[in-house]
Amino acid sequence: MLNVYLTDLHKQVTADLGRGAKDIALVMALKKVFLSTTDLLEPVIPENQDINQISWRATQADLITFERLAKSWQALELRLQAYSVFSSDDAMAIIVQAAQHQRQARYVEQGQTANLVELDILLLFAIHQQLDQLLSKEPPYAQQFLQNWPEFKDAVKS
């Protein structure tokens, strides 16, 4: 559970990312995956600097976006783990690295105007797309994934 202060509503809420007591660790792990994490959630370190008591600050919209990204990543992790059973962890890492390179290229191309959430959606979509190609899934899961993020449909295609 994450304790989050919603700056736009001036209200304290609890966010459940589905991992119970490991939510803080999940946020830290997602900071390595998603470029937008630090823009969406701002850590508030307590005076005693106890990392177990950390809380977060965000707007309601940013928290909702972060929760959606976290759940999308968890679903993608399941697909990657299933794929690694049939291939290898190295093959899984190559898929993720290829998508990261694609995201990085778009980031360099867009520069300061880059929308980090868009780039994170591109990463998720690219991984799903590569898995679809490898697994010959019909209909492609990547397209189903985009239905959950309709506001970013054009960003992924461009």
N, C-alpha and C. Protein backbone atom coordinates (compact mmCIF):
# COMPACT_ATOMS: atom_id res chain seq x y z
N MET A 1 0.83 -1.18 0.00
CA MET A 1 0.00 0.00 0.00
C MET A 1 0.88 1.25 0.00
N LEU A 2 0.50 2.19 -0.84
CA LEU A 2 1.21 3.46 -0.91
C LEU A 2 0.36 4.54 -0.28
N ASN A 3 0.96 5.34 0.57
CA ASN A 3 0.28 6.51 1.11
C ASN A 3 0.60 7.67 0.18
N VAL A 4 -0.44 8.23 -0.43
CA VAL A 4 -0.26 9.29 -1.42
C VAL A 4 -1.10 10.50 -1.03
N TYR A 5 -0.44 11.64 -1.02
CA TYR A 5 -1.16 12.89 -0.81
C TYR A 5 -1.51 13.47 -2.17
N LEU A 6 -2.80 13.63 -2.44
CA LEU A 6 -3.26 14.18 -3.71
C LEU A 6 -3.23 15.71 -3.61
N THR A 7 -2.29 16.30 -4.32
CA THR A 7 -2.06 17.74 -4.20
C THR A 7 -3.22 18.57 -4.75
N ASP A 8 -3.92 18.06 -5.74
CA ASP A 8 -5.03 18.82 -6.32
C ASP A 8 -6.30 18.73 -5.47
N LEU A 9 -6.45 17.65 -4.72
CA LEU A 9 -7.65 17.48 -3.88
C LEU A 9 -7.36 17.74 -2.40
N HIS A 10 -6.07 17.94 -2.06
CA HIS A 10 -5.64 18.15 -0.67
C HIS A 10 -6.19 17.02 0.22
N LYS A 11 -5.90 15.81 -0.21
CA LYS A 11 -6.47 14.63 0.45
C LYS A 11 -5.43 13.51 0.47
N GLN A 12 -5.37 12.76 1.56
CA GLN A 12 -4.49 11.60 1.69
C GLN A 12 -5.27 10.35 1.26
N VAL A 13 -4.69 9.54 0.39
CA VAL A 13 -5.32 8.30 -0.05
C VAL A 13 -4.31 7.17 0.04
N THR A 14 -4.82 5.96 -0.04
CA THR A 14 -3.98 4.78 -0.06
C THR A 14 -4.15 4.10 -1.41
N ALA A 15 -3.05 3.85 -2.08
CA ALA A 15 -3.08 3.20 -3.39
C ALA A 15 -2.58 1.77 -3.24
N ASP A 16 -3.31 0.85 -3.80
CA ASP A 16 -2.94 -0.56 -3.76
C ASP A 16 -2.51 -0.99 -5.16
N LEU A 17 -1.26 -1.34 -5.30
CA LEU A 17 -0.74 -1.77 -6.59
C LEU A 17 -0.77 -3.28 -6.75
N GLY A 18 -1.42 -3.96 -5.82
CA GLY A 18 -1.57 -5.39 -5.94
C GLY A 18 -0.43 -6.21 -5.40
N ARG A 19 0.50 -5.59 -4.73
CA ARG A 19 1.64 -6.34 -4.21
C ARG A 19 1.81 -6.22 -2.70
N GLY A 20 0.80 -5.67 -2.05
CA GLY A 20 0.83 -5.57 -0.60
C GLY A 20 1.97 -4.75 -0.07
N ALA A 21 2.70 -5.31 0.88
CA ALA A 21 3.77 -4.58 1.55
C ALA A 21 4.94 -4.26 0.64
N LYS A 22 4.98 -4.84 -0.54
CA LYS A 22 6.10 -4.62 -1.44
C LYS A 22 5.87 -3.44 -2.39
N ASP A 23 4.83 -2.64 -2.16
CA ASP A 23 4.52 -1.55 -3.07
C ASP A 23 5.64 -0.54 -3.22
N ILE A 24 6.33 -0.21 -2.11
CA ILE A 24 7.43 0.75 -2.19
C ILE A 24 8.55 0.17 -3.06
N ALA A 25 8.83 -1.10 -2.88
CA ALA A 25 9.84 -1.75 -3.72
C ALA A 25 9.41 -1.76 -5.18
N LEU A 26 8.11 -1.95 -5.41
CA LEU A 26 7.60 -1.94 -6.78
C LEU A 26 7.77 -0.56 -7.42
N VAL A 27 7.49 0.50 -6.66
CA VAL A 27 7.69 1.85 -7.20
C VAL A 27 9.15 2.06 -7.57
N MET A 28 10.03 1.64 -6.70
CA MET A 28 11.47 1.78 -6.98
C MET A 28 11.87 0.99 -8.23
N ALA A 29 11.30 -0.20 -8.38
CA ALA A 29 11.60 -1.01 -9.57
C ALA A 29 11.01 -0.35 -10.82
N LEU A 30 9.82 0.21 -10.70
CA LEU A 30 9.18 0.85 -11.85
C LEU A 30 9.90 2.13 -12.27
N LYS A 31 10.61 2.76 -11.35
CA LYS A 31 11.42 3.93 -11.71
C LYS A 31 12.49 3.54 -12.71
N LYS A 32 12.94 2.29 -12.66
CA LYS A 32 13.95 1.81 -13.60
C LYS A 32 13.33 1.48 -14.96
N VAL A 33 12.04 1.17 -14.98
CA VAL A 33 11.34 0.78 -16.20
C VAL A 33 10.74 1.98 -16.91
N PHE A 34 10.05 2.82 -16.16
CA PHE A 34 9.29 3.93 -16.74
C PHE A 34 9.98 5.27 -16.52
N LEU A 35 10.16 6.01 -17.59
CA LEU A 35 10.75 7.34 -17.50
C LEU A 35 9.84 8.31 -16.74
N SER A 36 8.54 8.07 -16.79
CA SER A 36 7.57 9.01 -16.23
C SER A 36 7.33 8.87 -14.73
N THR A 37 7.88 7.85 -14.11
CA THR A 37 7.59 7.60 -12.70
C THR A 37 7.88 8.80 -11.82
N THR A 38 9.02 9.44 -12.00
CA THR A 38 9.37 10.57 -11.15
C THR A 38 8.48 11.78 -11.43
N ASP A 39 7.93 11.89 -12.63
CA ASP A 39 6.98 12.97 -12.92
C ASP A 39 5.61 12.69 -12.32
N LEU A 40 5.25 11.42 -12.21
CA LEU A 40 3.92 11.05 -11.73
C LEU A 40 3.83 10.98 -10.21
N LEU A 41 4.88 10.47 -9.58
CA LEU A 41 4.90 10.31 -8.12
C LEU A 41 6.15 10.98 -7.55
N GLU A 42 5.93 11.87 -6.60
CA GLU A 42 7.05 12.52 -5.94
C GLU A 42 7.21 11.92 -4.54
N PRO A 43 8.38 11.37 -4.24
CA PRO A 43 8.56 10.78 -2.90
C PRO A 43 8.64 11.86 -1.83
N VAL A 44 8.09 11.54 -0.66
CA VAL A 44 8.19 12.41 0.50
C VAL A 44 8.87 11.58 1.59
N ILE A 45 10.12 11.91 1.84
CA ILE A 45 10.92 11.15 2.81
C ILE A 45 10.67 11.73 4.20
N PRO A 46 10.35 10.87 5.16
CA PRO A 46 10.07 11.37 6.52
C PRO A 46 11.33 11.96 7.17
N GLU A 47 11.11 12.75 8.22
CA GLU A 47 12.24 13.40 8.90
C GLU A 47 13.26 12.40 9.43
N ASN A 48 12.79 11.23 9.87
CA ASN A 48 13.72 10.22 10.40
C ASN A 48 14.40 9.45 9.27
N GLN A 49 14.07 9.75 8.03
CA GLN A 49 14.64 9.16 6.82
C GLN A 49 14.49 7.65 6.76
N ASP A 50 13.45 7.13 7.40
CA ASP A 50 13.15 5.70 7.35
C ASP A 50 12.43 5.41 6.04
N ILE A 51 13.08 4.69 5.16
CA ILE A 51 12.54 4.40 3.83
C ILE A 51 11.22 3.62 3.91
N ASN A 52 11.01 2.89 4.99
CA ASN A 52 9.77 2.13 5.16
C ASN A 52 8.56 3.02 5.45
N GLN A 53 8.81 4.27 5.81
CA GLN A 53 7.73 5.21 6.11
C GLN A 53 7.56 6.26 5.01
N ILE A 54 8.16 6.02 3.87
CA ILE A 54 8.07 6.99 2.77
C ILE A 54 6.62 7.13 2.32
N SER A 55 6.27 8.33 1.94
CA SER A 55 4.94 8.57 1.36
C SER A 55 5.16 9.28 0.02
N TRP A 56 4.09 9.58 -0.67
CA TRP A 56 4.19 10.10 -2.03
C TRP A 56 3.24 11.26 -2.20
N ARG A 57 3.55 12.10 -3.18
CA ARG A 57 2.71 13.23 -3.55
C ARG A 57 2.42 13.13 -5.04
N ALA A 58 1.17 13.40 -5.42
CA ALA A 58 0.79 13.35 -6.84
C ALA A 58 -0.57 14.03 -7.01
N THR A 59 -0.89 14.34 -8.25
CA THR A 59 -2.25 14.75 -8.54
C THR A 59 -3.07 13.48 -8.70
N GLN A 60 -4.38 13.61 -8.65
CA GLN A 60 -5.24 12.44 -8.81
C GLN A 60 -5.02 11.81 -10.19
N ALA A 61 -4.94 12.63 -11.23
CA ALA A 61 -4.75 12.11 -12.59
C ALA A 61 -3.41 11.39 -12.72
N ASP A 62 -2.35 11.95 -12.12
CA ASP A 62 -1.04 11.31 -12.19
C ASP A 62 -1.03 9.98 -11.45
N LEU A 63 -1.70 9.92 -10.31
CA LEU A 63 -1.77 8.66 -9.56
C LEU A 63 -2.51 7.60 -10.36
N ILE A 64 -3.61 7.98 -10.99
CA ILE A 64 -4.37 7.03 -11.81
C ILE A 64 -3.51 6.52 -12.96
N THR A 65 -2.78 7.43 -13.62
CA THR A 65 -1.89 7.03 -14.71
C THR A 65 -0.82 6.08 -14.21
N PHE A 66 -0.22 6.39 -13.06
CA PHE A 66 0.81 5.52 -12.50
C PHE A 66 0.25 4.13 -12.18
N GLU A 67 -0.94 4.10 -11.58
CA GLU A 67 -1.55 2.80 -11.26
C GLU A 67 -1.80 2.00 -12.54
N ARG A 68 -2.25 2.65 -13.58
CA ARG A 68 -2.49 1.96 -14.87
C ARG A 68 -1.18 1.43 -15.45
N LEU A 69 -0.12 2.25 -15.39
CA LEU A 69 1.19 1.79 -15.87
C LEU A 69 1.67 0.58 -15.07
N ALA A 70 1.53 0.65 -13.75
CA ALA A 70 1.99 -0.45 -12.89
C ALA A 70 1.25 -1.74 -13.22
N LYS A 71 -0.07 -1.65 -13.38
CA LYS A 71 -0.85 -2.85 -13.70
C LYS A 71 -0.54 -3.36 -15.10
N SER A 72 -0.30 -2.46 -16.03
CA SER A 72 0.07 -2.87 -17.39
C SER A 72 1.42 -3.58 -17.38
N TRP A 73 2.35 -3.08 -16.57
CA TRP A 73 3.66 -3.72 -16.47
C TRP A 73 3.54 -5.10 -15.84
N GLN A 74 2.70 -5.23 -14.82
CA GLN A 74 2.53 -6.53 -14.17
C GLN A 74 1.96 -7.55 -15.16
N ALA A 75 1.02 -7.14 -15.99
CA ALA A 75 0.47 -8.05 -17.01
C ALA A 75 1.54 -8.42 -18.03
N LEU A 76 2.34 -7.43 -18.41
CA LEU A 76 3.40 -7.69 -19.38
C LEU A 76 4.47 -8.61 -18.79
N GLU A 77 4.77 -8.42 -17.52
CA GLU A 77 5.75 -9.30 -16.85
C GLU A 77 5.31 -10.76 -16.92
N LEU A 78 4.02 -11.01 -16.74
CA LEU A 78 3.51 -12.37 -16.84
C LEU A 78 3.75 -12.94 -18.24
N ARG A 79 3.48 -12.14 -19.26
CA ARG A 79 3.72 -12.60 -20.64
C ARG A 79 5.21 -12.88 -20.87
N LEU A 80 6.07 -11.99 -20.37
CA LEU A 80 7.51 -12.18 -20.54
C LEU A 80 8.00 -13.43 -19.81
N GLN A 81 7.49 -13.65 -18.61
CA GLN A 81 7.88 -14.83 -17.85
C GLN A 81 7.41 -16.10 -18.55
N ALA A 82 6.21 -16.06 -19.10
CA ALA A 82 5.71 -17.23 -19.84
C ALA A 82 6.55 -17.48 -21.07
N TYR A 83 6.92 -16.42 -21.77
CA TYR A 83 7.76 -16.57 -22.96
C TYR A 83 9.14 -17.13 -22.59
N SER A 84 9.68 -16.67 -21.45
CA SER A 84 11.02 -17.14 -21.06
C SER A 84 11.03 -18.62 -20.73
N VAL A 85 9.87 -19.18 -20.35
CA VAL A 85 9.79 -20.62 -20.08
C VAL A 85 10.06 -21.40 -21.37
N PHE A 86 9.57 -20.87 -22.49
CA PHE A 86 9.73 -21.55 -23.78
C PHE A 86 11.02 -21.17 -24.50
N SER A 87 11.64 -20.09 -24.10
CA SER A 87 12.90 -19.71 -24.72
C SER A 87 13.96 -19.59 -23.64
N SER A 88 14.35 -18.37 -23.28
CA SER A 88 15.34 -18.18 -22.23
C SER A 88 15.19 -16.78 -21.65
N ASP A 89 15.84 -16.58 -20.52
CA ASP A 89 15.83 -15.24 -19.93
C ASP A 89 16.57 -14.25 -20.83
N ASP A 90 17.60 -14.74 -21.54
CA ASP A 90 18.33 -13.88 -22.46
C ASP A 90 17.43 -13.39 -23.59
N ALA A 91 16.58 -14.27 -24.11
CA ALA A 91 15.66 -13.88 -25.18
C ALA A 91 14.68 -12.82 -24.66
N MET A 92 14.22 -13.00 -23.44
CA MET A 92 13.32 -12.03 -22.83
C MET A 92 14.02 -10.68 -22.69
N ALA A 93 15.26 -10.69 -22.25
CA ALA A 93 16.03 -9.45 -22.08
C ALA A 93 16.24 -8.75 -23.41
N ILE A 94 16.46 -9.50 -24.47
CA ILE A 94 16.66 -8.91 -25.80
C ILE A 94 15.39 -8.20 -26.26
N ILE A 95 14.24 -8.80 -26.00
CA ILE A 95 12.96 -8.18 -26.36
C ILE A 95 12.80 -6.84 -25.64
N VAL A 96 13.07 -6.83 -24.35
CA VAL A 96 12.93 -5.61 -23.56
C VAL A 96 13.95 -4.57 -24.02
N GLN A 97 15.18 -4.98 -24.28
CA GLN A 97 16.21 -4.03 -24.72
C GLN A 97 15.87 -3.42 -26.08
N ALA A 98 15.32 -4.21 -26.98
CA ALA A 98 14.93 -3.69 -28.29
C ALA A 98 13.85 -2.62 -28.14
N ALA A 99 12.89 -2.87 -27.25
CA ALA A 99 11.83 -1.89 -27.01
C ALA A 99 12.41 -0.64 -26.33
N GLN A 100 13.35 -0.82 -25.42
CA GLN A 100 13.98 0.33 -24.77
C GLN A 100 14.74 1.18 -25.78
N HIS A 101 15.41 0.55 -26.73
CA HIS A 101 16.12 1.29 -27.78
C HIS A 101 15.14 2.08 -28.64
N GLN A 102 14.00 1.47 -28.94
CA GLN A 102 12.98 2.15 -29.72
C GLN A 102 12.46 3.37 -28.96
N ARG A 103 12.23 3.20 -27.67
CA ARG A 103 11.77 4.33 -26.84
C ARG A 103 12.85 5.41 -26.76
N GLN A 104 14.09 5.00 -26.59
CA GLN A 104 15.20 5.96 -26.49
C GLN A 104 15.35 6.75 -27.79
N ALA A 105 15.20 6.08 -28.92
CA ALA A 105 15.29 6.77 -30.21
C ALA A 105 14.20 7.83 -30.34
N ARG A 106 13.00 7.49 -29.91
CA ARG A 106 11.88 8.46 -29.96
C ARG A 106 12.15 9.61 -28.99
N TYR A 107 12.72 9.30 -27.84
CA TYR A 107 13.04 10.33 -26.86
C TYR A 107 14.06 11.32 -27.43
N VAL A 108 15.11 10.81 -28.06
CA VAL A 108 16.14 11.66 -28.65
C VAL A 108 15.53 12.50 -29.78
N GLU A 109 14.67 11.89 -30.56
CA GLU A 109 14.01 12.57 -31.67
C GLU A 109 13.14 13.73 -31.18
N GLN A 110 12.41 13.52 -30.09
CA GLN A 110 11.48 14.52 -29.58
C GLN A 110 12.14 15.53 -28.65
N GLY A 111 13.25 15.17 -28.05
CA GLY A 111 13.98 16.08 -27.17
C GLY A 111 13.15 16.52 -25.97
N GLN A 112 13.23 17.83 -25.67
CA GLN A 112 12.56 18.39 -24.49
C GLN A 112 11.04 18.32 -24.57
N THR A 113 10.50 18.15 -25.77
CA THR A 113 9.04 18.11 -25.92
C THR A 113 8.47 16.71 -25.70
N ALA A 114 9.33 15.76 -25.41
CA ALA A 114 8.89 14.37 -25.25
C ALA A 114 7.89 14.23 -24.11
N ASN A 115 6.83 13.49 -24.37
CA ASN A 115 5.85 13.14 -23.34
C ASN A 115 6.29 11.79 -22.77
N LEU A 116 6.75 11.80 -21.53
CA LEU A 116 7.34 10.59 -20.95
C LEU A 116 6.33 9.47 -20.79
N VAL A 117 5.07 9.79 -20.50
CA VAL A 117 4.06 8.74 -20.40
C VAL A 117 3.86 8.10 -21.77
N GLU A 118 3.80 8.92 -22.83
CA GLU A 118 3.69 8.38 -24.19
C GLU A 118 4.84 7.43 -24.49
N LEU A 119 6.04 7.83 -24.11
CA LEU A 119 7.21 6.98 -24.36
C LEU A 119 7.13 5.67 -23.57
N ASP A 120 6.58 5.72 -22.37
CA ASP A 120 6.42 4.50 -21.58
C ASP A 120 5.37 3.58 -22.20
N ILE A 121 4.30 4.16 -22.73
CA ILE A 121 3.29 3.37 -23.43
C ILE A 121 3.90 2.74 -24.67
N LEU A 122 4.75 3.50 -25.38
CA LEU A 122 5.44 2.96 -26.55
C LEU A 122 6.29 1.75 -26.15
N LEU A 123 6.97 1.83 -25.02
CA LEU A 123 7.78 0.70 -24.54
C LEU A 123 6.90 -0.53 -24.33
N LEU A 124 5.80 -0.36 -23.61
CA LEU A 124 4.90 -1.49 -23.34
C LEU A 124 4.35 -2.07 -24.64
N PHE A 125 3.90 -1.19 -25.52
CA PHE A 125 3.34 -1.63 -26.79
C PHE A 125 4.38 -2.38 -27.62
N ALA A 126 5.59 -1.86 -27.68
CA ALA A 126 6.65 -2.49 -28.49
C ALA A 126 6.97 -3.89 -27.97
N ILE A 127 6.99 -4.07 -26.65
CA ILE A 127 7.26 -5.39 -26.08
C ILE A 127 6.12 -6.35 -26.42
N HIS A 128 4.87 -5.88 -26.23
CA HIS A 128 3.72 -6.72 -26.57
C HIS A 128 3.77 -7.09 -28.06
N GLN A 129 4.10 -6.13 -28.90
CA GLN A 129 4.13 -6.37 -30.34
C GLN A 129 5.18 -7.43 -30.70
N GLN A 130 6.36 -7.33 -30.08
CA GLN A 130 7.41 -8.32 -30.35
C GLN A 130 7.00 -9.71 -29.87
N LEU A 131 6.38 -9.77 -28.71
CA LEU A 131 5.90 -11.06 -28.22
C LEU A 131 4.84 -11.64 -29.15
N ASP A 132 3.94 -10.77 -29.64
CA ASP A 132 2.92 -11.23 -30.58
C ASP A 132 3.55 -11.83 -31.83
N GLN A 133 4.59 -11.18 -32.35
CA GLN A 133 5.26 -11.69 -33.55
C GLN A 133 5.92 -13.04 -33.28
N LEU A 134 6.53 -13.17 -32.12
CA LEU A 134 7.21 -14.42 -31.78
C LEU A 134 6.23 -15.55 -31.50
N LEU A 135 5.11 -15.21 -30.92
CA LEU A 135 4.14 -16.23 -30.51
C LEU A 135 3.02 -16.42 -31.53
N SER A 136 3.00 -15.59 -32.58
CA SER A 136 1.97 -15.64 -33.62
C SER A 136 0.57 -15.69 -33.01
N LYS A 137 0.33 -14.81 -32.07
CA LYS A 137 -0.97 -14.76 -31.39
C LYS A 137 -1.99 -14.04 -32.26
N GLU A 138 -3.16 -14.61 -32.39
CA GLU A 138 -4.26 -13.99 -33.12
C GLU A 138 -5.45 -13.83 -32.20
N PRO A 139 -6.07 -12.70 -32.08
CA PRO A 139 -5.60 -11.41 -32.56
C PRO A 139 -4.44 -10.92 -31.70
N PRO A 140 -3.61 -10.06 -32.23
CA PRO A 140 -2.44 -9.62 -31.48
C PRO A 140 -2.82 -8.95 -30.16
N TYR A 141 -2.13 -9.35 -29.11
CA TYR A 141 -2.40 -8.79 -27.79
C TYR A 141 -2.03 -7.31 -27.76
N ALA A 142 -1.04 -6.92 -28.54
CA ALA A 142 -0.62 -5.52 -28.55
C ALA A 142 -1.79 -4.60 -28.90
N GLN A 143 -2.64 -5.02 -29.81
CA GLN A 143 -3.80 -4.21 -30.17
C GLN A 143 -4.81 -4.18 -29.03
N GLN A 144 -4.96 -5.29 -28.33
CA GLN A 144 -5.85 -5.32 -27.17
C GLN A 144 -5.31 -4.39 -26.08
N PHE A 145 -3.97 -4.39 -25.91
CA PHE A 145 -3.33 -3.52 -24.94
C PHE A 145 -3.67 -2.07 -25.24
N LEU A 146 -3.61 -1.68 -26.51
CA LEU A 146 -3.90 -0.30 -26.89
C LEU A 146 -5.34 0.10 -26.58
N GLN A 147 -6.24 -0.85 -26.58
CA GLN A 147 -7.64 -0.53 -26.23
C GLN A 147 -7.74 -0.04 -24.79
N ASN A 148 -6.80 -0.44 -23.94
CA ASN A 148 -6.79 0.02 -22.55
C ASN A 148 -6.17 1.41 -22.41
N TRP A 149 -5.49 1.87 -23.46
CA TRP A 149 -4.83 3.17 -23.46
C TRP A 149 -5.23 3.95 -24.72
N PRO A 150 -6.52 4.16 -24.97
CA PRO A 150 -6.95 4.78 -26.23
C PRO A 150 -6.38 6.17 -26.45
N GLU A 151 -6.09 6.90 -25.38
CA GLU A 151 -5.58 8.25 -25.55
C GLU A 151 -4.16 8.29 -26.12
N PHE A 152 -3.47 7.13 -26.14
CA PHE A 152 -2.11 7.07 -26.66
C PHE A 152 -2.01 6.29 -27.96
N LYS A 153 -3.14 5.95 -28.55
CA LYS A 153 -3.16 5.14 -29.77
C LYS A 153 -2.35 5.80 -30.89
N ASP A 154 -2.52 7.09 -31.10
CA ASP A 154 -1.80 7.79 -32.16
C ASP A 154 -0.32 7.92 -31.86
N ALA A 155 0.04 8.04 -30.61
CA ALA A 155 1.46 8.21 -30.24
C ALA A 155 2.25 6.95 -30.54
N VAL A 156 1.65 5.81 -30.40
CA VAL A 156 2.34 4.54 -30.65
C VAL A 156 2.52 4.31 -32.14
N LYS A 157 1.55 4.73 -32.91
CA LYS A 157 1.58 4.50 -34.36
C LYS A 157 2.55 5.42 -35.08
N SER A 158 2.78 6.60 -34.55
CA SER A 158 3.61 7.58 -35.26
C SER A 158 5.08 7.31 -35.15
